[in-house]
C-alpha cells in the first residue's frame, strides 16, 4: 500500500513539472479563415483540431475595404477586452514560453497611398502585440514579423505561426490565481 502511495505521488509530481506544447497556425485570407491547433504532452499528440473561423453568412465576395473594416472592428474589440483583462493576461503570459513566433501579412488595397497608410497601421498593431509579448512572457526565439504591401492589387492574407509551452503546474497555478482574483458571481443574471 505504501509503495502504491509513493508511486502515485511520483506520478503527480512528474506530471506537475511536465510541459504541454501548443502549436497553432492561423490563416486569414479572402478564401478561408482557419486555425489549426495541436497540443502535445511528451511528444504525444493529445489534440489536433482544425477550426473554421469564417462565418456561414459570408459566402458572398467581400471587398478589401469591407474586410479591413471588419479587421479594424475586431482589433478594437480585442484591444478593449485586453484592457479589461490586463491582469488575467499578465498572470497567464508570465507562465508561457514562446519557442516560435512568425506573423506574415500580405495585403493590397489597389491604391498605393491607401496601402501605405494601412501598412503603417498593421506595423503599429503588430508592434503593440509584440511589445506586450516581450514585456509579459518568456520569448525564447527571435520573432519573424513581416508586412508586405501590394500596391497594384486588392488582396489580403495573414498567417500566424506560434509554438508555446507551459508547465502543467504553472498552468494550474495561473488558473487558480485568476479564479481567486475574479471569483464567479454568486447570483444569476436573467
Protein backbone atom coordinates (compact mmCIF):
# COMPACT_ATOMS: atom_id res chain seq x y z
CA UNK A 1 0.00 0.00 0.00
CA UNK A 2 2.85 2.38 0.85
CA UNK A 3 4.58 1.67 -2.46
CA UNK A 4 1.39 2.47 -4.34
CA UNK A 5 1.06 5.77 -2.50
CA UNK A 6 4.70 6.69 -3.23
CA UNK A 7 4.27 5.76 -6.91
CA UNK A 8 1.12 7.91 -7.11
CA UNK A 9 2.92 10.88 -5.53
CA UNK A 10 5.81 10.50 -8.00
CA UNK A 11 3.40 10.44 -10.95
CA UNK A 12 1.65 13.58 -9.66
CA UNK A 13 4.95 15.42 -9.12
CA UNK A 14 6.29 14.41 -12.55
CA UNK A 15 3.04 15.50 -14.16
CA UNK A 16 3.11 18.91 -12.47
CA UNK A 17 6.64 19.57 -13.76
CA UNK A 18 5.88 18.28 -17.27
CA UNK A 19 5.35 20.64 -20.19
CA UNK A 20 2.48 20.92 -22.58
CA UNK A 21 3.41 22.23 -26.02
CA UNK A 22 0.81 24.00 -28.16
CA UNK A 23 1.39 24.55 -31.88
CA UNK A 24 -1.02 26.89 -33.61
CA UNK A 25 -1.35 28.20 -37.15
CA UNK A 26 -3.94 30.80 -38.10
CA UNK A 27 -4.51 31.64 -41.77
CA UNK A 28 -6.76 34.53 -42.76
CA UNK A 29 -7.32 35.35 -46.42
CA UNK A 30 -10.16 36.01 -48.82
CA UNK A 31 -10.88 32.33 -49.46
CA UNK A 32 -10.55 30.81 -45.99
CA UNK A 33 -10.13 31.71 -42.35
CA UNK A 34 -8.83 28.71 -40.42
CA UNK A 35 -6.95 27.91 -37.24
CA UNK A 36 -5.04 24.67 -36.66
CA UNK A 37 -4.28 23.88 -33.02
CA UNK A 38 -2.23 20.88 -31.88
CA UNK A 39 -1.46 20.03 -28.24
CA UNK A 40 1.44 17.76 -27.30
CA UNK A 41 2.39 16.10 -24.00
CA UNK A 42 5.80 14.35 -24.06
CA UNK A 43 5.64 14.40 -27.89
CA UNK A 44 2.31 12.57 -27.80
CA UNK A 45 -0.36 14.48 -29.68
CA UNK A 46 -3.37 14.92 -27.42
CA UNK A 47 -5.37 17.17 -29.75
CA UNK A 48 -5.22 18.22 -33.38
CA UNK A 49 -8.14 20.44 -34.35
CA UNK A 50 -8.84 22.48 -37.47
CA UNK A 51 -11.26 25.31 -36.73
CA UNK A 52 -13.07 27.22 -39.47
CA UNK A 53 -13.18 30.86 -38.36
CA UNK A 54 -15.31 32.12 -41.24
CA UNK A 55 -18.97 32.75 -40.63
CA UNK A 56 -21.54 30.86 -42.68
CA UNK A 57 -23.19 34.03 -43.99
CA UNK A 58 -20.00 35.42 -45.55
CA UNK A 59 -20.13 33.31 -48.69
CA UNK A 60 -20.54 36.36 -50.92
CA UNK A 61 -17.40 38.12 -52.13
CA UNK A 62 -16.37 40.95 -49.80
CA UNK A 63 -14.35 43.90 -50.90
CA UNK A 64 -10.95 44.66 -49.43
CA UNK A 65 -12.38 47.78 -47.76
CA UNK A 66 -15.08 45.70 -46.01
CA UNK A 67 -12.50 43.16 -44.87
CA UNK A 68 -10.26 45.93 -43.50
CA UNK A 69 -13.24 47.49 -41.65
CA UNK A 70 -14.05 44.06 -40.19
CA UNK A 71 -10.41 43.57 -39.09
CA UNK A 72 -10.42 47.07 -37.57
CA UNK A 73 -13.57 46.36 -35.55
CA UNK A 74 -12.15 43.00 -34.40
CA UNK A 75 -8.90 44.68 -33.31
CA UNK A 76 -10.82 47.40 -31.44
CA UNK A 77 -12.88 44.73 -29.66
CA UNK A 78 -9.71 42.78 -28.88
CA UNK A 79 -7.95 45.87 -27.52
CA UNK A 80 -10.96 46.75 -25.31
CA UNK A 81 -11.10 43.21 -23.95
CA UNK A 82 -7.33 43.25 -23.36
CA UNK A 83 -7.71 46.45 -21.33
CA UNK A 84 -10.45 44.81 -19.29
CA UNK A 85 -8.47 41.61 -18.77
CA UNK A 86 -4.96 43.06 -18.33
CA UNK A 87 -4.39 41.28 -15.01
CA UNK A 88 -5.56 37.93 -16.37
CA UNK A 89 -3.37 38.28 -19.47
CA UNK A 90 -0.37 39.20 -17.30
CA UNK A 91 -0.88 36.23 -14.98
CA UNK A 92 -1.18 33.76 -17.85
CA UNK A 93 1.50 35.23 -20.16
CA UNK A 94 4.09 35.22 -17.34
CA UNK A 95 4.00 31.43 -17.36
CA UNK A 96 4.11 30.85 -21.13
CA UNK A 97 7.33 30.24 -23.10
CA UNK A 98 7.28 31.19 -26.80
CA UNK A 99 9.51 28.88 -28.88
CA UNK A 100 8.44 30.15 -32.31
CA UNK A 101 6.60 33.29 -33.36
CA UNK A 102 6.03 34.10 -37.01
CA UNK A 103 3.43 36.54 -38.35
CA UNK A 104 3.40 37.33 -42.06
CA UNK A 105 0.89 39.65 -43.73
CA UNK A 106 0.47 40.35 -47.45
CA UNK A 107 -2.14 42.89 -48.44
CA UNK A 108 -3.10 45.32 -51.13
CA UNK A 109 -5.85 47.90 -51.41
CA UNK A 110 -5.50 48.69 -55.09
CA UNK A 111 -4.32 52.23 -54.34
CA UNK A 112 -0.71 52.93 -53.41
CA UNK A 113 -1.47 55.71 -50.91
CA UNK A 114 -4.06 53.65 -49.05
CA UNK A 115 -1.74 50.64 -49.00
CA UNK A 116 0.98 52.79 -47.39
CA UNK A 117 -1.37 54.04 -44.66
CA UNK A 118 -2.73 50.58 -43.96
CA UNK A 119 0.84 49.22 -43.86
CA UNK A 120 1.70 51.67 -41.09
CA UNK A 121 -1.40 50.68 -39.14
CA UNK A 122 -0.60 46.99 -39.45
CA UNK A 123 3.01 47.57 -38.32
CA UNK A 124 1.74 49.57 -35.34
CA UNK A 125 -0.70 46.84 -34.31
CA UNK A 126 1.90 44.11 -34.67
CA UNK A 127 4.41 46.20 -32.71
CA UNK A 128 1.89 46.68 -29.89
CA UNK A 129 1.18 42.96 -29.66
CA UNK A 130 4.87 42.04 -29.89
CA UNK A 131 5.71 44.59 -27.17
CA UNK A 132 3.07 43.01 -24.92
CA UNK A 133 4.57 39.57 -25.54
CA UNK A 134 8.11 40.85 -24.84
CA UNK A 135 7.03 42.55 -21.62
CA UNK A 136 4.81 39.88 -20.14
CA UNK A 137 6.06 36.49 -21.31
CA UNK A 138 9.21 34.50 -21.92
CA UNK A 139 10.25 34.83 -25.56
CA UNK A 140 12.86 32.15 -26.29
CA UNK A 141 13.15 32.89 -30.03
CA UNK A 142 13.57 35.76 -32.43
CA UNK A 143 10.12 36.62 -33.80
CA UNK A 144 9.67 36.87 -37.56
CA UNK A 145 7.23 39.69 -38.32
CA UNK A 146 6.65 40.89 -41.88
CA UNK A 147 4.22 43.19 -43.65
CA UNK A 148 4.30 43.14 -47.44
CA UNK A 149 2.15 45.80 -49.14
CA UNK A 150 0.97 45.00 -52.66
CA UNK A 151 0.40 48.38 -54.27
CA UNK A 152 -1.33 47.38 -57.51
CA UNK A 153 -3.83 44.73 -56.45
CA UNK A 154 -6.59 44.08 -53.95
CA UNK A 155 -5.53 41.20 -51.72
CA UNK A 156 -5.23 40.27 -48.07
CA UNK A 157 -3.58 37.29 -46.39
CA UNK A 158 -2.19 36.90 -42.91
CA UNK A 159 -0.50 33.80 -41.48
CA UNK A 160 0.36 33.44 -37.80
CA UNK A 161 2.52 30.51 -36.59
CA UNK A 162 3.26 30.03 -32.94
CA UNK A 163 4.73 27.34 -30.69
CA UNK A 164 4.29 27.84 -26.95
CA UNK A 165 4.86 25.66 -23.93
CA UNK A 166 3.82 25.81 -20.31
CA UNK A 167 4.40 23.55 -17.35
CA UNK A 168 1.21 21.88 -16.13
CA UNK A 169 1.81 23.02 -12.54
CA UNK A 170 2.27 26.63 -13.67
CA UNK A 171 -0.91 26.46 -15.75
CA UNK A 172 -2.90 25.16 -12.80
CA UNK A 173 -1.38 27.80 -10.51
CA UNK A 174 -2.17 30.57 -13.02
CA UNK A 175 -5.75 29.41 -13.44
CA UNK A 176 -6.22 29.23 -9.66
CA UNK A 177 -4.81 32.76 -9.34
CA UNK A 178 -7.25 34.04 -11.95
CA UNK A 179 -10.17 32.28 -10.25
CA UNK A 180 -9.15 33.72 -6.88
CA UNK A 181 -8.75 37.23 -8.34
CA UNK A 182 -12.05 37.12 -10.25
CA UNK A 183 -14.45 34.87 -8.32
CA UNK A 184 -17.62 33.69 -10.04
CA UNK A 185 -20.70 35.79 -9.48
CA UNK A 186 -22.99 34.23 -6.90
CA UNK A 187 -26.27 35.39 -8.40
CA UNK A 188 -27.52 34.63 -11.85
CA UNK A 189 -28.42 37.42 -14.24
CA UNK A 190 -31.59 36.66 -16.13
